[in-house]
Amino acid sequence: MNFSLKKFVLPALLAAVLVPVPATAAINCTGTVTDSYVYSDGAVLFRASYAPSWTQICNIKEGWKGVDPDVCLTWLAKVDAAVSLGRTITVRYMNETSCNTLPRYTETSAPAYVMIS
């Protein structure tokens, strides 16, 4: 590699490596659930203490972002039990960065699981 090319390529490679890239990883969001509802189209949403707004977790009528309706019905039962009993839930998201910045409503990514504590 000639000298002038080294002067251009090396700084460019270094800059590319040092640019911060937001990382996504699996996160567990734990908190209380104050409300839940089901739309006429089957979408299941709830409001939890860890999120800034309503978040969808699944759909009881059709598959939603890889979540089967049968799984959705069990998650709905857990969410509704948490509301009724004042229990805590934990929802695991595989590709999010923070619970308090989850996308709103239907833009939320699908959970990997929903657990009641």
PDB file of N, CA and C in Angstrom:
ATOM      1  N   MET A   1       0.857  -1.174   0.000  1.00  0.00           N
ATOM      2  CA  MET A   1       0.000   0.000   0.000  1.00  0.00           C
ATOM      3  C   MET A   1       0.897   1.228   0.000  1.00  0.00           C
ATOM      4  N   ASN A   2       0.639   2.157  -0.900  1.00  0.00           N
ATOM      5  CA  ASN A   2       1.500   3.327  -0.948  1.00  0.00           C
ATOM      6  C   ASN A   2       1.150   4.287   0.194  1.00  0.00           C
ATOM      7  N   PHE A   3       2.008   5.238   0.425  1.00  0.00           N
ATOM      8  CA  PHE A   3       1.904   6.142   1.576  1.00  0.00           C
ATOM      9  C   PHE A   3       0.623   6.981   1.565  1.00  0.00           C
ATOM     10  N   SER A   4       0.215   7.509   0.432  1.00  0.00           N
ATOM     11  CA  SER A   4      -0.975   8.365   0.381  1.00  0.00           C
ATOM     12  C   SER A   4      -2.245   7.552   0.638  1.00  0.00           C
ATOM     13  N   LEU A   5      -2.272   6.319   0.199  1.00  0.00           N
ATOM     14  CA  LEU A   5      -3.427   5.469   0.439  1.00  0.00           C
ATOM     15  C   LEU A   5      -3.536   5.134   1.929  1.00  0.00           C
ATOM     16  N   LYS A   6      -2.410   4.910   2.586  1.00  0.00           N
ATOM     17  CA  LYS A   6      -2.409   4.648   4.028  1.00  0.00           C
ATOM     18  C   LYS A   6      -2.977   5.829   4.788  1.00  0.00           C
ATOM     19  N   LYS A   7      -2.658   7.023   4.334  1.00  0.00           N
ATOM     20  CA  LYS A   7      -3.141   8.221   5.013  1.00  0.00           C
ATOM     21  C   LYS A   7      -4.661   8.332   4.913  1.00  0.00           C
ATOM     22  N   PHE A   8      -5.257   7.790   3.870  1.00  0.00           N
ATOM     23  CA  PHE A   8      -6.709   7.878   3.696  1.00  0.00           C
ATOM     24  C   PHE A   8      -7.437   6.671   4.303  1.00  0.00           C
ATOM     25  N   VAL A   9      -6.963   5.477   4.009  1.00  0.00           N
ATOM     26  CA  VAL A   9      -7.659   4.249   4.403  1.00  0.00           C
ATOM     27  C   VAL A   9      -7.623   4.030   5.916  1.00  0.00           C
ATOM     28  N   LEU A  10      -6.476   4.200   6.524  1.00  0.00           N
ATOM     29  CA  LEU A  10      -6.373   3.938   7.965  1.00  0.00           C
ATOM     30  C   LEU A  10      -7.285   4.851   8.794  1.00  0.00           C
ATOM     31  N   PRO A  11      -7.304   6.149   8.572  1.00  0.00           N
ATOM     32  CA  PRO A  11      -8.238   6.981   9.332  1.00  0.00           C
ATOM     33  C   PRO A  11      -9.702   6.625   9.063  1.00  0.00           C
ATOM     34  N   ALA A  12     -10.031   6.277   7.835  1.00  0.00           N
ATOM     35  CA  ALA A  12     -11.414   5.910   7.509  1.00  0.00           C
ATOM     36  C   ALA A  12     -11.814   4.635   8.227  1.00  0.00           C
ATOM     37  N   LEU A  13     -10.936   3.639   8.258  1.00  0.00           N
ATOM     38  CA  LEU A  13     -11.220   2.401   8.978  1.00  0.00           C
ATOM     39  C   LEU A  13     -11.350   2.646  10.473  1.00  0.00           C
ATOM     40  N   LEU A  14     -10.471   3.458  11.017  1.00  0.00           N
ATOM     41  CA  LEU A  14     -10.535   3.784  12.438  1.00  0.00           C
ATOM     42  C   LEU A  14     -11.836   4.495  12.789  1.00  0.00           C
ATOM     43  N   ALA A  15     -12.254   5.413  11.955  1.00  0.00           N
ATOM     44  CA  ALA A  15     -13.502   6.145  12.192  1.00  0.00           C
ATOM     45  C   ALA A  15     -14.692   5.199  12.146  1.00  0.00           C
ATOM     46  N   ALA A  16     -14.682   4.257  11.235  1.00  0.00           N
ATOM     47  CA  ALA A  16     -15.789   3.307  11.117  1.00  0.00           C
ATOM     48  C   ALA A  16     -15.881   2.407  12.339  1.00  0.00           C
ATOM     49  N   VAL A  17     -14.747   2.024  12.874  1.00  0.00           N
ATOM     50  CA  VAL A  17     -14.724   1.152  14.046  1.00  0.00           C
ATOM     51  C   VAL A  17     -15.132   1.909  15.311  1.00  0.00           C
ATOM     52  N   LEU A  18     -14.806   3.179  15.407  1.00  0.00           N
ATOM     53  CA  LEU A  18     -15.053   3.940  16.620  1.00  0.00           C
ATOM     54  C   LEU A  18     -16.424   4.614  16.685  1.00  0.00           C
ATOM     55  N   VAL A  19     -17.190   4.567  15.605  1.00  0.00           N
ATOM     56  CA  VAL A  19     -18.517   5.173  15.613  1.00  0.00           C
ATOM     57  C   VAL A  19     -19.429   4.331  16.502  1.00  0.00           C
ATOM     58  N   PRO A  20     -20.068   4.955  17.492  1.00  0.00           N
ATOM     59  CA  PRO A  20     -20.927   4.174  18.383  1.00  0.00           C
ATOM     60  C   PRO A  20     -22.191   3.695  17.663  1.00  0.00           C
ATOM     61  N   VAL A  21     -22.516   2.448  17.888  1.00  0.00           N
ATOM     62  CA  VAL A  21     -23.714   1.850  17.317  1.00  0.00           C
ATOM     63  C   VAL A  21     -24.582   1.387  18.476  1.00  0.00           C
ATOM     64  N   PRO A  22     -25.840   1.841  18.533  1.00  0.00           N
ATOM     65  CA  PRO A  22     -26.694   1.398  19.636  1.00  0.00           C
ATOM     66  C   PRO A  22     -26.881  -0.114  19.583  1.00  0.00           C
ATOM     67  N   ALA A  23     -26.670  -0.742  20.700  1.00  0.00           N
ATOM     68  CA  ALA A  23     -26.800  -2.190  20.765  1.00  0.00           C
ATOM     69  C   ALA A  23     -28.192  -2.568  21.253  1.00  0.00           C
ATOM     70  N   THR A  24     -28.719  -3.617  20.666  1.00  0.00           N
ATOM     71  CA  THR A  24     -29.970  -4.155  21.169  1.00  0.00           C
ATOM     72  C   THR A  24     -29.658  -5.510  21.764  1.00  0.00           C
ATOM     73  N   ALA A  25     -30.348  -5.819  22.809  1.00  0.00           N
ATOM     74  CA  ALA A  25     -30.138  -7.087  23.480  1.00  0.00           C
ATOM     75  C   ALA A  25     -31.440  -7.489  24.135  1.00  0.00           C
ATOM     76  N   ALA A  26     -31.440  -8.660  24.693  1.00  0.00           N
ATOM     77  CA  ALA A  26     -32.617  -9.105  25.420  1.00  0.00           C
ATOM     78  C   ALA A  26     -32.717  -8.337  26.735  1.00  0.00           C
ATOM     79  N   ILE A  27     -33.922  -7.861  27.017  1.00  0.00           N
ATOM     80  CA  ILE A  27     -34.161  -7.164  28.285  1.00  0.00           C
ATOM     81  C   ILE A  27     -35.416  -7.730  28.937  1.00  0.00           C
ATOM     82  N   ASN A  28     -35.426  -7.722  30.246  1.00  0.00           N
ATOM     83  CA  ASN A  28     -36.600  -8.092  31.018  1.00  0.00           C
ATOM     84  C   ASN A  28     -37.200  -6.824  31.584  1.00  0.00           C
ATOM     85  N   CYS A  29     -38.475  -6.598  31.319  1.00  0.00           N
ATOM     86  CA  CYS A  29     -39.183  -5.440  31.845  1.00  0.00           C
ATOM     87  C   CYS A  29     -40.133  -5.932  32.929  1.00  0.00           C
ATOM     88  N   THR A  30     -39.939  -5.433  34.134  1.00  0.00           N
ATOM     89  CA  THR A  30     -40.731  -5.888  35.276  1.00  0.00           C
ATOM     90  C   THR A  30     -41.460  -4.712  35.899  1.00  0.00           C
ATOM     91  N   GLY A  31     -42.741  -4.914  36.190  1.00  0.00           N
ATOM     92  CA  GLY A  31     -43.518  -3.862  36.826  1.00  0.00           C
ATOM     93  C   GLY A  31     -44.955  -4.279  37.040  1.00  0.00           C
ATOM     94  N   THR A  32     -45.740  -3.332  37.497  1.00  0.00           N
ATOM     95  CA  THR A  32     -47.166  -3.590  37.712  1.00  0.00           C
ATOM     96  C   THR A  32     -47.948  -3.210  36.465  1.00  0.00           C
ATOM     97  N   VAL A  33     -49.079  -3.841  36.300  1.00  0.00           N
ATOM     98  CA  VAL A  33     -49.965  -3.561  35.175  1.00  0.00           C
ATOM     99  C   VAL A  33     -51.211  -2.888  35.728  1.00  0.00           C
ATOM    100  N   THR A  34     -51.553  -1.731  35.182  1.00  0.00           N
ATOM    101  CA  THR A  34     -52.717  -1.001  35.686  1.00  0.00           C
ATOM    102  C   THR A  34     -53.957  -1.232  34.843  1.00  0.00           C
ATOM    103  N   ASP A  35     -53.797  -1.484  33.556  1.00  0.00           N
ATOM    104  CA  ASP A  35     -54.935  -1.634  32.654  1.00  0.00           C
ATOM    105  C   ASP A  35     -54.577  -2.577  31.516  1.00  0.00           C
ATOM    106  N   SER A  36     -55.616  -3.202  30.945  1.00  0.00           N
ATOM    107  CA  SER A  36     -55.428  -3.998  29.737  1.00  0.00           C
ATOM    108  C   SER A  36     -56.708  -3.934  28.921  1.00  0.00           C
ATOM    109  N   TYR A  37     -56.581  -4.139  27.617  1.00  0.00           N
ATOM    110  CA  TYR A  37     -57.771  -4.212  26.769  1.00  0.00           C
ATOM    111  C   TYR A  37     -57.475  -5.026  25.517  1.00  0.00           C
ATOM    112  N   VAL A  38     -58.571  -5.457  24.878  1.00  0.00           N
ATOM    113  CA  VAL A  38     -58.486  -6.220  23.640  1.00  0.00           C
ATOM    114  C   VAL A  38     -59.323  -5.493  22.593  1.00  0.00           C
ATOM    115  N   TYR A  39     -58.694  -5.146  21.477  1.00  0.00           N
ATOM    116  CA  TYR A  39     -59.393  -4.526  20.354  1.00  0.00           C
ATOM    117  C   TYR A  39     -60.307  -5.551  19.680  1.00  0.00           C
ATOM    118  N   SER A  40     -61.266  -5.069  18.912  1.00  0.00           N
ATOM    119  CA  SER A  40     -62.159  -5.963  18.167  1.00  0.00           C
ATOM    120  C   SER A  40     -61.397  -6.802  17.140  1.00  0.00           C
ATOM    121  N   ASP A  41     -60.220  -6.335  16.724  1.00  0.00           N
ATOM    122  CA  ASP A  41     -59.412  -7.123  15.783  1.00  0.00           C
ATOM    123  C   ASP A  41     -58.553  -8.173  16.493  1.00  0.00           C
ATOM    124  N   GLY A  42     -58.618  -8.220  17.843  1.00  0.00           N
ATOM    125  CA  GLY A  42     -57.891  -9.222  18.607  1.00  0.00           C
ATOM    126  C   GLY A  42     -56.601  -8.737  19.250  1.00  0.00           C
ATOM    127  N   ALA A  43     -56.173  -7.513  18.974  1.00  0.00           N
ATOM    128  CA  ALA A  43     -54.922  -6.989  19.545  1.00  0.00           C
ATOM    129  C   ALA A  43     -55.046  -6.855  21.060  1.00  0.00           C
ATOM    130  N   VAL A  44     -54.052  -7.359  21.777  1.00  0.00           N
ATOM    131  CA  VAL A  44     -54.008  -7.295  23.242  1.00  0.00           C
ATOM    132  C   VAL A  44     -52.978  -6.249  23.651  1.00  0.00           C
ATOM    133  N   LEU A  45     -53.441  -5.244  24.396  1.00  0.00           N
ATOM    134  CA  LEU A  45     -52.561  -4.169  24.866  1.00  0.00           C
ATOM    135  C   LEU A  45     -52.701  -4.001  26.362  1.00  0.00           C
ATOM    136  N   PHE A  46     -51.644  -3.492  26.985  1.00  0.00           N
ATOM    137  CA  PHE A  46     -51.691  -3.207  28.410  1.00  0.00           C
ATOM    138  C   PHE A  46     -50.794  -2.021  28.731  1.00  0.00           C
ATOM    139  N   ARG A  47     -51.015  -1.480  29.915  1.00  0.00           N
ATOM    140  CA  ARG A  47     -50.182  -0.366  30.384  1.00  0.00           C
ATOM    141  C   ARG A  47     -49.449  -0.836  31.636  1.00  0.00           C
ATOM    142  N   ALA A  48     -48.128  -0.815  31.568  1.00  0.00           N
ATOM    143  CA  ALA A  48     -47.291  -1.272  32.679  1.00  0.00           C
ATOM    144  C   ALA A  48     -46.470  -0.115  33.229  1.00  0.00           C
ATOM    145  N   SER A  49     -46.075  -0.248  34.473  1.00  0.00           N
ATOM    146  CA  SER A  49     -45.324   0.822  35.137  1.00  0.00           C
ATOM    147  C   SER A  49     -43.962   1.078  34.510  1.00  0.00           C
ATOM    148  N   TYR A  50     -43.397   0.122  33.803  1.00  0.00           N
ATOM    149  CA  TYR A  50     -42.067   0.292  33.228  1.00  0.00           C
ATOM    150  C   TYR A  50     -42.069   0.964  31.854  1.00  0.00           C
ATOM    151  N   ALA A  51     -43.228   1.078  31.214  1.00  0.00           N
ATOM    152  CA  ALA A  51     -43.292   1.610  29.848  1.00  0.00           C
ATOM    153  C   ALA A  51     -43.986   2.967  29.832  1.00  0.00           C
ATOM    154  N   PRO A  52     -43.635   3.810  28.871  1.00  0.00           N
ATOM    155  CA  PRO A  52     -44.215   5.153  28.813  1.00  0.00           C
ATOM    156  C   PRO A  52     -45.645   5.191  28.279  1.00  0.00           C
ATOM    157  N   SER A  53     -46.105   4.100  27.682  1.00  0.00           N
ATOM    158  CA  SER A  53     -47.417   4.119  27.056  1.00  0.00           C
ATOM    159  C   SER A  53     -47.970   2.698  26.981  1.00  0.00           C
ATOM    160  N   TRP A  54     -49.114   2.563  26.333  1.00  0.00           N
ATOM    161  CA  TRP A  54     -49.683   1.249  26.075  1.00  0.00           C
ATOM    162  C   TRP A  54     -48.766   0.469  25.142  1.00  0.00           C
ATOM    163  N   THR A  55     -48.671  -0.847  25.370  1.00  0.00           N
ATOM    164  CA  THR A  55     -47.870  -1.700  24.500  1.00  0.00           C
ATOM    165  C   THR A  55     -48.671  -2.937  24.118  1.00  0.00           C
ATOM    166  N   GLN A  56     -48.564  -3.319  22.862  1.00  0.00           N
ATOM    167  CA  GLN A  56     -49.218  -4.544  22.406  1.00  0.00           C
ATOM    168  C   GLN A  56     -48.288  -5.707  22.655  1.00  0.00           C
ATOM    169  N   ILE A  57     -48.865  -6.851  23.083  1.00  0.00           N
ATOM    170  CA  ILE A  57     -48.038  -8.037  23.270  1.00  0.00           C
ATOM    171  C   ILE A  57     -48.384  -9.154  22.298  1.00  0.00           C
ATOM    172  N   CYS A  58     -49.611  -9.120  21.737  1.00  0.00           N
ATOM    173  CA  CYS A  58     -50.004 -10.203  20.845  1.00  0.00           C
ATOM    174  C   CYS A  58     -51.388  -9.937  20.271  1.00  0.00           C
ATOM    175  N   ASN A  59     -51.935 -10.947  19.594  1.00  0.00           N
ATOM    176  CA  ASN A  59     -53.268 -10.850  19.009  1.00  0.00           C
ATOM    177  C   ASN A  59     -53.963 -12.198  19.185  1.00  0.00           C
ATOM    178  N   ILE A  60     -55.158 -12.188  19.778  1.00  0.00           N
ATOM    179  CA  ILE A  60     -55.849 -13.450  20.068  1.00  0.00           C
ATOM    180  C   ILE A  60     -56.541 -14.057  18.838  1.00  0.00           C
ATOM    181  N   LYS A  61     -56.653 -13.310  17.749  1.00  0.00           N
ATOM    182  CA  LYS A  61     -57.329 -13.810  16.552  1.00  0.00           C
ATOM    183  C   LYS A  61     -56.376 -14.321  15.476  1.00  0.00           C
ATOM    184  N   GLU A  62     -55.173 -13.761  15.421  1.00  0.00           N
ATOM    185  CA  GLU A  62     -54.227 -14.147  14.375  1.00  0.00           C
ATOM    186  C   GLU A  62     -52.802 -13.998  14.881  1.00  0.00           C
ATOM    187  N   GLY A  63     -51.885 -14.698  14.238  1.00  0.00           N
ATOM    188  CA  GLY A  63     -50.484 -14.564  14.606  1.00  0.00           C
ATOM    189  C   GLY A  63     -50.029 -13.120  14.491  1.00  0.00           C
ATOM    190  N   TRP A  64     -49.225 -12.683  15.447  1.00  0.00           N
ATOM    191  CA  TRP A  64     -48.728 -11.306  15.460  1.00  0.00           C
ATOM    192  C   TRP A  64     -47.235 -11.330  15.765  1.00  0.00           C
ATOM    193  N   LYS A  65     -46.449 -10.934  14.783  1.00  0.00           N
ATOM    194  CA  LYS A  65     -44.988 -10.864  14.925  1.00  0.00           C
ATOM    195  C   LYS A  65     -44.404 -12.170  15.488  1.00  0.00           C
ATOM    196  N   GLY A  66     -44.966 -13.287  15.033  1.00  0.00           N
ATOM    197  CA  GLY A  66     -44.463 -14.603  15.430  1.00  0.00           C
ATOM    198  C   GLY A  66     -45.112 -15.196  16.666  1.00  0.00           C
ATOM    199  N   VAL A  67     -46.058 -14.496  17.291  1.00  0.00           N
ATOM    200  CA  VAL A  67     -46.736 -15.015  18.489  1.00  0.00           C
ATOM    201  C   VAL A  67     -48.066 -15.641  18.066  1.00  0.00           C
ATOM    202  N   ASP A  68     -48.227 -16.924  18.358  1.00  0.00           N
ATOM    203  CA  ASP A  68     -49.423 -17.672  18.024  1.00  0.00           C
ATOM    204  C   ASP A  68     -50.610 -17.233  18.897  1.00  0.00           C
ATOM    205  N   PRO A  69     -51.828 -17.229  18.368  1.00  0.00           N
ATOM    206  CA  PRO A  69     -52.995 -16.841  19.164  1.00  0.00           C
ATOM    207  C   PRO A  69     -53.197 -17.674  20.439  1.00  0.00           C
ATOM    208  N   ASP A  70     -52.846 -18.962  20.402  1.00  0.00           N
ATOM    209  CA  ASP A  70     -52.974 -19.785  21.619  1.00  0.00           C
ATOM    210  C   ASP A  70     -52.041 -19.291  22.720  1.00  0.00           C
ATOM    211  N   VAL A  71     -50.832 -18.931  22.356  1.00  0.00           N
ATOM    212  CA  VAL A  71     -49.888 -18.360  23.321  1.00  0.00           C
ATOM    213  C   VAL A  71     -50.439 -17.024  23.815  1.00  0.00           C
ATOM    214  N   CYS A  72     -50.996 -16.247  22.908  1.00  0.00           N
ATOM    215  CA  CYS A  72     -51.550 -14.942  23.258  1.00  0.00           C
ATOM    216  C   CYS A  72     -52.633 -15.063  24.326  1.00  0.00           C
ATOM    217  N   LEU A  73     -53.485 -16.068  24.199  1.00  0.00           N
ATOM    218  CA  LEU A  73     -54.546 -16.250  25.197  1.00  0.00           C
ATOM    219  C   LEU A  73     -53.977 -16.515  26.590  1.00  0.00           C
ATOM    220  N   THR A  74     -52.877 -17.257  26.668  1.00  0.00           N
ATOM    221  CA  THR A  74     -52.271 -17.498  27.987  1.00  0.00           C
ATOM    222  C   THR A  74     -51.632 -16.224  28.524  1.00  0.00           C
ATOM    223  N   TRP A  75     -51.013 -15.442  27.641  1.00  0.00           N
ATOM    224  CA  TRP A  75     -50.421 -14.169  28.074  1.00  0.00           C
ATOM    225  C   TRP A  75     -51.501 -13.200  28.541  1.00  0.00           C
ATOM    226  N   LEU A  76     -52.626 -13.170  27.823  1.00  0.00           N
ATOM    227  CA  LEU A  76     -53.742 -12.313  28.228  1.00  0.00           C
ATOM    228  C   LEU A  76     -54.233 -12.702  29.619  1.00  0.00           C
ATOM    229  N   ALA A  77     -54.323 -13.995  29.888  1.00  0.00           N
ATOM    230  CA  ALA A  77     -54.747 -14.460  31.217  1.00  0.00           C
ATOM    231  C   ALA A  77     -53.767 -13.991  32.291  1.00  0.00           C
ATOM    232  N   LYS A  78     -52.486 -14.036  32.011  1.00  0.00           N
ATOM    233  CA  LYS A  78     -51.490 -13.581  32.986  1.00  0.00           C
ATOM    234  C   LYS A  78     -51.583 -12.072  33.216  1.00  0.00           C
ATOM    235  N   VAL A  79     -51.746 -11.317  32.145  1.00  0.00           N
ATOM    236  CA  VAL A  79     -51.859  -9.857  32.275  1.00  0.00           C
ATOM    237  C   VAL A  79     -53.113  -9.493  33.069  1.00  0.00           C
ATOM    238  N   ASP A  80     -54.241 -10.112  32.731  1.00  0.00           N
ATOM    239  CA  ASP A  80     -55.479  -9.811  33.441  1.00  0.00           C
ATOM    240  C   ASP A  80     -55.408 -10.236  34.910  1.00  0.00           C
ATOM    241  N   ALA A  81     -54.751 -11.361  35.183  1.00  0.00           N
ATOM    242  CA  ALA A  81     -54.566 -11.783  36.575  1.00  0.00           C
ATOM    243  C   ALA A  81     -53.697 -10.777  37.325  1.00  0.00           C
ATOM    244  N   ALA A  82     -52.668 -10.270  36.677  1.00  0.00           N
ATOM    245  CA  ALA A  82     -51.796  -9.276  37.317  1.00  0.00           C
ATOM    246  C   ALA A  82     -52.568  -8.007  37.640  1.00  0.00           C
ATOM    247  N   VAL A  83     -53.458  -7.597  36.735  1.00  0.00           N
ATOM    248  CA  VAL A  83     -54.287  -6.412  36.989  1.00  0.00           C
ATOM    249  C   VAL A  83     -55.212  -6.680  38.172  1.00  0.00           C
ATOM    250  N   SER A  84     -55.908  -7.800  38.144  1.00  0.00           N
ATOM    251  CA  SER A  84     -56.899  -8.121  39.176  1.00  0.00           C
ATOM    252  C   SER A  84     -56.276  -8.350  40.548  1.00  0.00           C
ATOM    253  N   LEU A  85     -55.130  -9.002  40.572  1.00  0.00           N
ATOM    254  CA  LEU A  85     -54.509  -9.378  41.837  1.00  0.00           C
ATOM    255  C   LEU A  85     -53.438  -8.406  42.313  1.00  0.00           C
ATOM    256  N   GLY A  86     -53.128  -7.405  41.495  1.00  0.00           N
ATOM    257  CA  GLY A  86     -52.085  -6.457  41.872  1.00  0.00           C
ATOM    258  C   GLY A  86     -50.703  -7.080  41.880  1.00  0.00           C
ATOM    259  N   ARG A  87     -50.482  -8.056  41.013  1.00  0.00           N
ATOM    260  CA  ARG A  87     -49.201  -8.759  40.947  1.00  0.00           C
ATOM    261  C   ARG A  87     -48.278  -8.106  39.919  1.00  0.00           C
ATOM    262  N   THR A  88     -47.040  -8.469  39.965  1.00  0.00           N
ATOM    263  CA  THR A  88     -46.015  -7.964  39.058  1.00  0.00           C
ATOM    264  C   THR A  88     -45.884  -8.910  37.863  1.00  0.00           C
ATOM    265  N   ILE A  89     -45.605  -8.336  36.692  1.00  0.00           N
ATOM    266  CA  ILE A  89     -45.280  -9.162  35.535  1.00  0.00           C
ATOM    267  C   ILE A  89     -43.875  -8.833  35.056  1.00  0.00           C
ATOM    268  N   THR A  90     -43.295  -9.801  34.388  1.00  0.00           N
ATOM    269  CA  THR A  90     -42.024  -9.608  33.689  1.00  0.00           C
ATOM    270  C   THR A  90     -42.249  -9.993  32.242  1.00  0.00           C
ATOM    271  N   VAL A  91     -41.875  -9.099  31.338  1.00  0.00           N
ATOM    272  CA  VAL A  91     -41.999  -9.351  29.907  1.00  0.00           C
ATOM    273  C   VAL A  91     -40.596  -9.272  29.317  1.00  0.00           C
ATOM    274  N   ARG A  92     -40.205 -10.304  28.599  1.00  0.00           N
ATOM    275  CA  ARG A  92     -38.864 -10.343  27.993  1.00  0.00           C
ATOM    276  C   ARG A  92     -38.962  -9.947  26.531  1.00  0.00           C
ATOM    277  N   TYR A  93     -38.170  -8.947  26.160  1.00  0.00           N
ATOM    278  CA  TYR A  93     -38.067  -8.486  24.775  1.00  0.00           C
ATOM    279  C   TYR A  93     -36.662  -8.802  24.281  1.00  0.00           C
ATOM    280  N   MET A  94     -36.561  -9.369  23.089  1.00  0.00           N
ATOM    281  CA  MET A  94     -35.267  -9.816  22.574  1.00  0.00           C
ATOM    282  C   MET A  94     -34.482  -8.737  21.839  1.00  0.00           C
ATOM    283  N   ASN A  95     -35.139  -7.719  21.310  1.00  0.00           N
ATOM    284  CA  ASN A  95     -34.428  -6.730  20.491  1.00  0.00           C
ATOM    285  C   ASN A  95     -34.767  -5.305  20.881  1.00  0.00           C
ATOM    286  N   GLU A  96     -34.721  -5.019  22.142  1.00  0.00           N
ATOM    287  CA  GLU A  96     -34.986  -3.674  22.640  1.00  0.00           C
ATOM    288  C   GLU A  96     -33.799  -3.211  23.476  1.00  0.00           C
ATOM    289  N   THR A  97     -33.714  -1.910  23.697  1.00  0.00           N
ATOM    290  CA  THR A  97     -32.594  -1.376  24.459  1.00  0.00           C
ATOM    291  C   THR A  97     -32.979  -0.953  25.869  1.00  0.00           C
ATOM    292  N   SER A  98     -34.247  -0.610  26.076  1.00  0.00           N
ATOM    293  CA  SER A  98     -34.662  -0.109  27.380  1.00  0.00           C
ATOM    294  C   SER A  98     -36.172  -0.267  27.536  1.00  0.00           C
ATOM    295  N   CYS A  99     -36.603  -0.602  28.729  1.00  0.00           N
ATOM    296  CA  CYS A  99     -38.036  -0.754  28.994  1.00  0.00           C
ATOM    297  C   CYS A  99     -38.772   0.581  28.901  1.00  0.00           C
ATOM    298  N   ASN A 100     -38.132   1.645  29.346  1.00  0.00           N
ATOM    299  CA  ASN A 100     -38.826   2.941  29.350  1.00  0.00           C
ATOM    300  C   ASN A 100     -38.803   3.645  27.997  1.00  0.00           C
ATOM    301  N   THR A 101     -38.240   2.995  26.984  1.00  0.00           N
ATOM    302  CA  THR A 101     -38.284   3.556  25.632  1.00  0.00           C
ATOM    303  C   THR A 101     -38.927   2.580  24.641  1.00  0.00           C
ATOM    304  N   LEU A 102     -39.714   1.657  25.143  1.00  0.00           N
ATOM    305  CA  LEU A 102     -40.391   0.714  24.246  1.00  0.00           C
ATOM    306  C   LEU A 102     -41.276   1.482  23.256  1.00  0.00           C
ATOM    307  N   PRO A 103     -41.342   1.018  22.026  1.00  0.00           N
ATOM    308  CA  PRO A 103     -42.262   1.647  21.078  1.00  0.00           C
ATOM    309  C   PRO A 103     -43.698   1.565  21.583  1.00  0.00           C
ATOM    310  N   ARG A 104     -44.522   2.473  21.129  1.00  0.00           N
ATOM    311  CA  ARG A 104     -45.896   2.569  21.615  1.00  0.00           C
ATOM    312  C   ARG A 104     -46.860   1.702  20.812  1.00  0.00           C
ATOM    313  N   TYR A 105     -47.902   1.285  21.488  1.00  0.00           N
ATOM    314  CA  TYR A 105     -49.027   0.572  20.880  1.00  0.00           C
ATOM    315  C   TYR A 105     -48.553  -0.583  19.999  1.00  0.00           C
ATOM    316  N   THR A 106     -48.993  -0.641  18.748  1.00  0.00           N
ATOM    317  CA  THR A 106     -48.709  -1.781  17.874  1.00  0.00           C
ATOM    318  C   THR A 106     -47.272  -1.809  17.366  1.00  0.00           C
ATOM    319  N   GLU A 107     -46.513  -0.756  17.616  1.00  0.00           N
ATOM    320  CA  GLU A 107     -45.119  -0.706  17.154  1.00  0.00           C
ATOM    321  C   GLU A 107     -44.176  -1.498  18.066  1.00  0.00           C
ATOM    322  N   THR A 108     -44.665  -1.935  19.207  1.00  0.00           N
ATOM    323  CA  THR A 108     -43.845  -2.708  20.139  1.00  0.00           C
ATOM    324  C   THR A 108     -43.411  -4.018  19.489  1.00  0.00           C
ATOM    325  N   SER A 109     -42.198  -4.454  19.772  1.00  0.00           N
ATOM    326  CA  SER A 109     -41.781  -5.761  19.262  1.00  0.00           C
ATOM    327  C   SER A 109     -42.456  -6.858  20.089  1.00  0.00           C
ATOM    328  N   ALA A 110     -42.548  -8.030  19.526  1.00  0.00           N
ATOM    329  CA  ALA A 110     -43.195  -9.144  20.218  1.00  0.00           C
ATOM    330  C   ALA A 110     -42.327  -9.637  21.367  1.00  0.00           C
ATOM    331  N   PRO A 111     -42.938  -9.931  22.507  1.00  0.00           N
ATOM    332  CA  PRO A 111     -42.172 -10.479  23.630  1.00  0.00           C
ATOM    333  C   PRO A 111     -41.745 -11.927  23.359  1.00  0.00           C
ATOM    334  N   ALA A 112     -40.747 -12.365  24.102  1.00  0.00           N
ATOM    335  CA  ALA A 112     -40.356 -13.775  24.084  1.00  0.00           C
ATOM    336  C   ALA A 112     -41.181 -14.544  25.102  1.00  0.00           C
ATOM    337  N   TYR A 113     -41.499 -13.888  26.228  1.00  0.00           N
ATOM    338  CA  TYR A 113     -42.390 -14.498  27.213  1.00  0.00           C
ATOM    339  C   TYR A 113     -43.002 -13.451  28.098  1.00  0.00           C
ATOM    340  N   VAL A 114     -44.072 -13.862  28.798  1.00  0.00           N
ATOM    341  CA  VAL A 114     -44.740 -13.035  29.799  1.00  0.00           C
ATOM    342  C   VAL A 114     -44.849 -13.885  31.058  1.00  0.00           C
ATOM    343  N   MET A 115     -44.401 -13.344  32.179  1.00  0.00           N
ATOM    344  CA  MET A 115     -44.396 -14.085  33.443  1.00  0.00           C
ATOM    345  C   MET A 115     -45.076 -13.271  34.523  1.00  0.00           C
ATOM    346  N   ILE A 116     -45.884 -13.904  35.345  1.00  0.00           N
ATOM    347  CA  ILE A 116     -46.501 -13.232  36.489  1.00  0.00           C
ATOM    348  C   ILE A 116     -45.764 -13.660  37.743  1.00  0.00           C
ATOM    349  N   SER A 117     -45.544 -12.720  38.640  1.00  0.00           N
ATOM    350  CA  SER A 117     -44.823 -13.016  39.887  1.00  0.00           C
ATOM    351  C   SER A 117     -45.726 -12.813  41.070  1.00  0.00           C
TER     352      SER A 117
END
